[in-house]
Amino acid sequence: MKKDKKLIYSWDEIPIIFDMNLACLITGFTSASLRTLAQSGKFSAYKVGGHWRIDRQEFMEWWENRKEKK
């Protein structure tokens, strides 16, 4: 049985630094899409030991700015 995904109700529930899996859960994007955005510089993320890491503050700013452009 698949584990239920945790719903996030507030930015305060997100760690200061988090991984691509959590970013996918928040955005609904695939990890491939987010990696492509990160590699092109459109999404702020960085690699540590082969794993993507995302800063909560930078992510929040990117997400809010993305919503405003629609």
PDB file of N, CA and C in Angstrom:
ATOM      1  N   MET A   1       0.841  -1.183   0.000  1.00  0.00           N
ATOM      2  CA  MET A   1       0.000   0.000   0.000  1.00  0.00           C
ATOM      3  C   MET A   1       0.885   1.243   0.000  1.00  0.00           C
ATOM      4  N   LYS A   2       0.510   2.223  -0.814  1.00  0.00           N
ATOM      5  CA  LYS A   2       1.264   3.452  -0.912  1.00  0.00           C
ATOM      6  C   LYS A   2       1.031   4.326   0.314  1.00  0.00           C
ATOM      7  N   LYS A   3       2.098   4.945   0.769  1.00  0.00           N
ATOM      8  CA  LYS A   3       2.004   5.841   1.914  1.00  0.00           C
ATOM      9  C   LYS A   3       1.311   7.142   1.484  1.00  0.00           C
ATOM     10  N   ASP A   4       0.388   7.627   2.298  1.00  0.00           N
ATOM     11  CA  ASP A   4      -0.303   8.879   1.989  1.00  0.00           C
ATOM     12  C   ASP A   4       0.677  10.042   2.016  1.00  0.00           C
ATOM     13  N   LYS A   5       0.487  10.965   1.064  1.00  0.00           N
ATOM     14  CA  LYS A   5       1.313  12.163   1.036  1.00  0.00           C
ATOM     15  C   LYS A   5       0.801  13.126   2.099  1.00  0.00           C
ATOM     16  N   LYS A   6       1.734  13.734   2.806  1.00  0.00           N
ATOM     17  CA  LYS A   6       1.365  14.691   3.838  1.00  0.00           C
ATOM     18  C   LYS A   6       0.967  16.007   3.182  1.00  0.00           C
ATOM     19  N   LEU A   7      -0.152  16.549   3.597  1.00  0.00           N
ATOM     20  CA  LEU A   7      -0.573  17.849   3.108  1.00  0.00           C
ATOM     21  C   LEU A   7       0.162  18.935   3.869  1.00  0.00           C
ATOM     22  N   ILE A   8       0.517  19.977   3.168  1.00  0.00           N
ATOM     23  CA  ILE A   8       1.233  21.101   3.772  1.00  0.00           C
ATOM     24  C   ILE A   8       0.296  22.299   3.763  1.00  0.00           C
ATOM     25  N   TYR A   9       0.112  22.877   4.923  1.00  0.00           N
ATOM     26  CA  TYR A   9      -0.836  23.980   5.060  1.00  0.00           C
ATOM     27  C   TYR A   9      -0.170  25.331   5.268  1.00  0.00           C
ATOM     28  N   SER A  10       1.128  25.327   5.553  1.00  0.00           N
ATOM     29  CA  SER A  10       1.816  26.576   5.861  1.00  0.00           C
ATOM     30  C   SER A  10       3.284  26.465   5.471  1.00  0.00           C
ATOM     31  N   TRP A  11       3.872  27.595   5.094  1.00  0.00           N
ATOM     32  CA  TRP A  11       5.310  27.618   4.798  1.00  0.00           C
ATOM     33  C   TRP A  11       6.114  27.240   6.034  1.00  0.00           C
ATOM     34  N   ASP A  12       5.574  27.462   7.211  1.00  0.00           N
ATOM     35  CA  ASP A  12       6.277  27.134   8.455  1.00  0.00           C
ATOM     36  C   ASP A  12       6.491  25.631   8.623  1.00  0.00           C
ATOM     37  N   GLU A  13       5.724  24.820   7.921  1.00  0.00           N
ATOM     38  CA  GLU A  13       5.859  23.367   8.010  1.00  0.00           C
ATOM     39  C   GLU A  13       6.992  22.823   7.136  1.00  0.00           C
ATOM     40  N   ILE A  14       7.569  23.693   6.323  1.00  0.00           N
ATOM     41  CA  ILE A  14       8.628  23.280   5.402  1.00  0.00           C
ATOM     42  C   ILE A  14       9.980  23.575   6.044  1.00  0.00           C
ATOM     43  N   PRO A  15      10.903  22.610   6.008  1.00  0.00           N
ATOM     44  CA  PRO A  15      12.241  22.843   6.566  1.00  0.00           C
ATOM     45  C   PRO A  15      12.965  23.982   5.841  1.00  0.00           C
ATOM     46  N   ILE A  16      13.959  24.542   6.476  1.00  0.00           N
ATOM     47  CA  ILE A  16      14.724  25.646   5.885  1.00  0.00           C
ATOM     48  C   ILE A  16      15.397  25.187   4.595  1.00  0.00           C
ATOM     49  N   ILE A  17      15.945  23.980   4.594  1.00  0.00           N
ATOM     50  CA  ILE A  17      16.531  23.366   3.404  1.00  0.00           C
ATOM     51  C   ILE A  17      15.800  22.050   3.182  1.00  0.00           C
ATOM     52  N   PHE A  18      15.349  21.802   1.968  1.00  0.00           N
ATOM     53  CA  PHE A  18      14.620  20.563   1.694  1.00  0.00           C
ATOM     54  C   PHE A  18      15.030  19.990   0.355  1.00  0.00           C
ATOM     55  N   ASP A  19      14.501  18.811   0.036  1.00  0.00           N
ATOM     56  CA  ASP A  19      14.917  18.106  -1.174  1.00  0.00           C
ATOM     57  C   ASP A  19      13.885  18.239  -2.298  1.00  0.00           C
ATOM     58  N   MET A  20      14.244  17.676  -3.424  1.00  0.00           N
ATOM     59  CA  MET A  20      13.414  17.770  -4.622  1.00  0.00           C
ATOM     60  C   MET A  20      12.073  17.059  -4.439  1.00  0.00           C
ATOM     61  N   ASN A  21      12.046  15.981  -3.658  1.00  0.00           N
ATOM     62  CA  ASN A  21      10.782  15.270  -3.436  1.00  0.00           C
ATOM     63  C   ASN A  21       9.739  16.168  -2.784  1.00  0.00           C
ATOM     64  N   LEU A  22      10.159  16.945  -1.795  1.00  0.00           N
ATOM     65  CA  LEU A  22       9.222  17.852  -1.138  1.00  0.00           C
ATOM     66  C   LEU A  22       8.798  18.962  -2.093  1.00  0.00           C
ATOM     67  N   ALA A  23       9.732  19.451  -2.905  1.00  0.00           N
ATOM     68  CA  ALA A  23       9.386  20.479  -3.891  1.00  0.00           C
ATOM     69  C   ALA A  23       8.347  19.950  -4.876  1.00  0.00           C
ATOM     70  N   CYS A  24       8.475  18.692  -5.256  1.00  0.00           N
ATOM     71  CA  CYS A  24       7.490  18.068  -6.158  1.00  0.00           C
ATOM     72  C   CYS A  24       6.123  17.984  -5.488  1.00  0.00           C
ATOM     73  N   LEU A  25       6.114  17.620  -4.223  1.00  0.00           N
ATOM     74  CA  LEU A  25       4.858  17.520  -3.480  1.00  0.00           C
ATOM     75  C   LEU A  25       4.174  18.891  -3.385  1.00  0.00           C
ATOM     76  N   ILE A  26       4.959  19.929  -3.152  1.00  0.00           N
ATOM     77  CA  ILE A  26       4.412  21.276  -3.005  1.00  0.00           C
ATOM     78  C   ILE A  26       3.873  21.806  -4.335  1.00  0.00           C
ATOM     79  N   THR A  27       4.645  21.624  -5.400  1.00  0.00           N
ATOM     80  CA  THR A  27       4.288  22.230  -6.684  1.00  0.00           C
ATOM     81  C   THR A  27       3.398  21.367  -7.564  1.00  0.00           C
ATOM     82  N   GLY A  28       3.492  20.050  -7.393  1.00  0.00           N
ATOM     83  CA  GLY A  28       2.795  19.146  -8.291  1.00  0.00           C
ATOM     84  C   GLY A  28       3.583  18.887  -9.566  1.00  0.00           C
ATOM     85  N   PHE A  29       4.787  19.450  -9.670  1.00  0.00           N
ATOM     86  CA  PHE A  29       5.658  19.232 -10.821  1.00  0.00           C
ATOM     87  C   PHE A  29       6.405  17.916 -10.641  1.00  0.00           C
ATOM     88  N   THR A  30       6.883  17.364 -11.733  1.00  0.00           N
ATOM     89  CA  THR A  30       7.732  16.181 -11.641  1.00  0.00           C
ATOM     90  C   THR A  30       9.142  16.613 -11.263  1.00  0.00           C
ATOM     91  N   SER A  31       9.913  15.666 -10.738  1.00  0.00           N
ATOM     92  CA  SER A  31      11.298  15.996 -10.381  1.00  0.00           C
ATOM     93  C   SER A  31      12.088  16.338 -11.645  1.00  0.00           C
ATOM     94  N   ALA A  32      11.779  15.706 -12.763  1.00  0.00           N
ATOM     95  CA  ALA A  32      12.469  16.014 -14.017  1.00  0.00           C
ATOM     96  C   ALA A  32      12.212  17.470 -14.431  1.00  0.00           C
ATOM     97  N   SER A  33      10.983  17.919 -14.288  1.00  0.00           N
ATOM     98  CA  SER A  33      10.650  19.308 -14.633  1.00  0.00           C
ATOM     99  C   SER A  33      11.395  20.290 -13.742  1.00  0.00           C
ATOM    100  N   LEU A  34      11.408  20.013 -12.440  1.00  0.00           N
ATOM    101  CA  LEU A  34      12.100  20.910 -11.521  1.00  0.00           C
ATOM    102  C   LEU A  34      13.611  20.889 -11.750  1.00  0.00           C
ATOM    103  N   ARG A  35      14.172  19.722 -12.051  1.00  0.00           N
ATOM    104  CA  ARG A  35      15.612  19.643 -12.351  1.00  0.00           C
ATOM    105  C   ARG A  35      15.941  20.473 -13.585  1.00  0.00           C
ATOM    106  N   THR A  36      15.099  20.383 -14.597  1.00  0.00           N
ATOM    107  CA  THR A  36      15.317  21.163 -15.814  1.00  0.00           C
ATOM    108  C   THR A  36      15.276  22.660 -15.511  1.00  0.00           C
ATOM    109  N   LEU A  37      14.310  23.075 -14.717  1.00  0.00           N
ATOM    110  CA  LEU A  37      14.221  24.491 -14.326  1.00  0.00           C
ATOM    111  C   LEU A  37      15.449  24.915 -13.521  1.00  0.00           C
ATOM    112  N   ALA A  38      15.901  24.055 -12.618  1.00  0.00           N
ATOM    113  CA  ALA A  38      17.074  24.368 -11.802  1.00  0.00           C
ATOM    114  C   ALA A  38      18.332  24.461 -12.664  1.00  0.00           C
ATOM    115  N   GLN A  39      18.500  23.533 -13.581  1.00  0.00           N
ATOM    116  CA  GLN A  39      19.684  23.529 -14.442  1.00  0.00           C
ATOM    117  C   GLN A  39      19.712  24.730 -15.372  1.00  0.00           C
ATOM    118  N   SER A  40      18.550  25.244 -15.725  1.00  0.00           N
ATOM    119  CA  SER A  40      18.491  26.422 -16.602  1.00  0.00           C
ATOM    120  C   SER A  40      18.523  27.730 -15.811  1.00  0.00           C
ATOM    121  N   GLY A  41      18.541  27.645 -14.487  1.00  0.00           N
ATOM    122  CA  GLY A  41      18.620  28.840 -13.654  1.00  0.00           C
ATOM    123  C   GLY A  41      17.287  29.512 -13.374  1.00  0.00           C
ATOM    124  N   LYS A  42      16.192  28.891 -13.775  1.00  0.00           N
ATOM    125  CA  LYS A  42      14.870  29.470 -13.550  1.00  0.00           C
ATOM    126  C   LYS A  42      14.290  29.099 -12.193  1.00  0.00           C
ATOM    127  N   PHE A  43      14.904  28.120 -11.559  1.00  0.00           N
ATOM    128  CA  PHE A  43      14.455  27.615 -10.261  1.00  0.00           C
ATOM    129  C   PHE A  43      15.689  27.485  -9.393  1.00  0.00           C
ATOM    130  N   SER A  44      15.675  28.104  -8.231  1.00  0.00           N
ATOM    131  CA  SER A  44      16.850  28.128  -7.372  1.00  0.00           C
ATOM    132  C   SER A  44      16.988  26.831  -6.578  1.00  0.00           C
ATOM    133  N   ALA A  45      17.975  26.027  -6.961  1.00  0.00           N
ATOM    134  CA  ALA A  45      18.287  24.776  -6.276  1.00  0.00           C
ATOM    135  C   ALA A  45      19.767  24.500  -6.508  1.00  0.00           C
ATOM    136  N   TYR A  46      20.366  23.737  -5.635  1.00  0.00           N
ATOM    137  CA  TYR A  46      21.783  23.421  -5.787  1.00  0.00           C
ATOM    138  C   TYR A  46      22.025  21.971  -5.405  1.00  0.00           C
ATOM    139  N   LYS A  47      23.108  21.431  -5.932  1.00  0.00           N
ATOM    140  CA  LYS A  47      23.430  20.031  -5.685  1.00  0.00           C
ATOM    141  C   LYS A  47      24.438  19.908  -4.552  1.00  0.00           C
ATOM    142  N   VAL A  48      24.172  18.948  -3.675  1.00  0.00           N
ATOM    143  CA  VAL A  48      25.096  18.600  -2.594  1.00  0.00           C
ATOM    144  C   VAL A  48      25.259  17.090  -2.660  1.00  0.00           C
ATOM    145  N   GLY A  49      26.462  16.645  -2.982  1.00  0.00           N
ATOM    146  CA  GLY A  49      26.713  15.209  -3.054  1.00  0.00           C
ATOM    147  C   GLY A  49      25.798  14.479  -4.021  1.00  0.00           C
ATOM    148  N   GLY A  50      25.449  15.118  -5.115  1.00  0.00           N
ATOM    149  CA  GLY A  50      24.598  14.479  -6.114  1.00  0.00           C
ATOM    150  C   GLY A  50      23.111  14.601  -5.858  1.00  0.00           C
ATOM    151  N   HIS A  51      22.727  15.253  -4.771  1.00  0.00           N
ATOM    152  CA  HIS A  51      21.309  15.427  -4.438  1.00  0.00           C
ATOM    153  C   HIS A  51      20.949  16.911  -4.490  1.00  0.00           C
ATOM    154  N   TRP A  52      19.778  17.198  -5.011  1.00  0.00           N
ATOM    155  CA  TRP A  52      19.312  18.574  -5.094  1.00  0.00           C
ATOM    156  C   TRP A  52      18.822  19.052  -3.733  1.00  0.00           C
ATOM    157  N   ARG A  53      19.169  20.271  -3.388  1.00  0.00           N
ATOM    158  CA  ARG A  53      18.718  20.920  -2.155  1.00  0.00           C
ATOM    159  C   ARG A  53      18.118  22.271  -2.515  1.00  0.00           C
ATOM    160  N   ILE A  54      17.098  22.648  -1.773  1.00  0.00           N
ATOM    161  CA  ILE A  54      16.350  23.867  -2.064  1.00  0.00           C
ATOM    162  C   ILE A  54      16.214  24.675  -0.779  1.00  0.00           C
ATOM    163  N   ASP A  55      16.482  25.955  -0.872  1.00  0.00           N
ATOM    164  CA  ASP A  55      16.343  26.878   0.249  1.00  0.00           C
ATOM    165  C   ASP A  55      14.889  27.345   0.314  1.00  0.00           C
ATOM    166  N   ARG A  56      14.272  27.222   1.481  1.00  0.00           N
ATOM    167  CA  ARG A  56      12.852  27.568   1.625  1.00  0.00           C
ATOM    168  C   ARG A  56      12.557  29.008   1.218  1.00  0.00           C
ATOM    169  N   GLN A  57      13.347  29.952   1.665  1.00  0.00           N
ATOM    170  CA  GLN A  57      13.089  31.362   1.366  1.00  0.00           C
ATOM    171  C   GLN A  57      13.159  31.629  -0.138  1.00  0.00           C
ATOM    172  N   GLU A  58      14.193  31.102  -0.790  1.00  0.00           N
ATOM    173  CA  GLU A  58      14.321  31.285  -2.237  1.00  0.00           C
ATOM    174  C   GLU A  58      13.177  30.591  -2.975  1.00  0.00           C
ATOM    175  N   PHE A  59      12.789  29.423  -2.495  1.00  0.00           N
ATOM    176  CA  PHE A  59      11.684  28.689  -3.103  1.00  0.00           C
ATOM    177  C   PHE A  59      10.382  29.477  -2.966  1.00  0.00           C
ATOM    178  N   MET A  60      10.132  30.020  -1.781  1.00  0.00           N
ATOM    179  CA  MET A  60       8.904  30.791  -1.561  1.00  0.00           C
ATOM    180  C   MET A  60       8.845  31.986  -2.510  1.00  0.00           C
ATOM    181  N   GLU A  61       9.969  32.687  -2.656  1.00  0.00           N
ATOM    182  CA  GLU A  61      10.013  33.844  -3.540  1.00  0.00           C
ATOM    183  C   GLU A  61       9.771  33.426  -4.990  1.00  0.00           C
ATOM    184  N   TRP A  62      10.407  32.330  -5.421  1.00  0.00           N
ATOM    185  CA  TRP A  62      10.217  31.842  -6.788  1.00  0.00           C
ATOM    186  C   TRP A  62       8.750  31.468  -7.008  1.00  0.00           C
ATOM    187  N   TRP A  63       8.172  30.763  -6.065  1.00  0.00           N
ATOM    188  CA  TRP A  63       6.792  30.300  -6.208  1.00  0.00           C
ATOM    189  C   TRP A  63       5.815  31.473  -6.265  1.00  0.00           C
ATOM    190  N   GLU A  64       5.999  32.457  -5.392  1.00  0.00           N
ATOM    191  CA  GLU A  64       5.107  33.616  -5.382  1.00  0.00           C
ATOM    192  C   GLU A  64       5.269  34.432  -6.658  1.00  0.00           C
ATOM    193  N   ASN A  65       6.508  34.631  -7.115  1.00  0.00           N
ATOM    194  CA  ASN A  65       6.739  35.384  -8.349  1.00  0.00           C
ATOM    195  C   ASN A  65       6.164  34.656  -9.547  1.00  0.00           C
ATOM    196  N   ARG A  66       6.241  33.349  -9.553  1.00  0.00           N
ATOM    197  CA  ARG A  66       5.708  32.532 -10.645  1.00  0.00           C
ATOM    198  C   ARG A  66       4.196  32.703 -10.732  1.00  0.00           C
ATOM    199  N   LYS A  67       3.537  32.719  -9.581  1.00  0.00           N
ATOM    200  CA  LYS A  67       2.080  32.869  -9.543  1.00  0.00           C
ATOM    201  C   LYS A  67       1.662  34.242 -10.050  1.00  0.00           C
ATOM    202  N   GLU A  68       2.445  35.278  -9.731  1.00  0.00           N
ATOM    203  CA  GLU A  68       2.102  36.635 -10.126  1.00  0.00           C
ATOM    204  C   GLU A  68       2.202  36.856 -11.625  1.00  0.00           C
ATOM    205  N   LYS A  69       3.059  36.103 -12.303  1.00  0.00           N
ATOM    206  CA  LYS A  69       3.268  36.275 -13.735  1.00  0.00           C
ATOM    207  C   LYS A  69       2.163  35.677 -14.589  1.00  0.00           C
ATOM    208  N   LYS A  70       1.308  34.859 -13.991  1.00  0.00           N
ATOM    209  CA  LYS A  70       0.233  34.215 -14.767  1.00  0.00           C
ATOM    210  C   LYS A  70      -0.858  35.187 -15.117  1.00  0.00           C
TER     211      LYS A  70
END
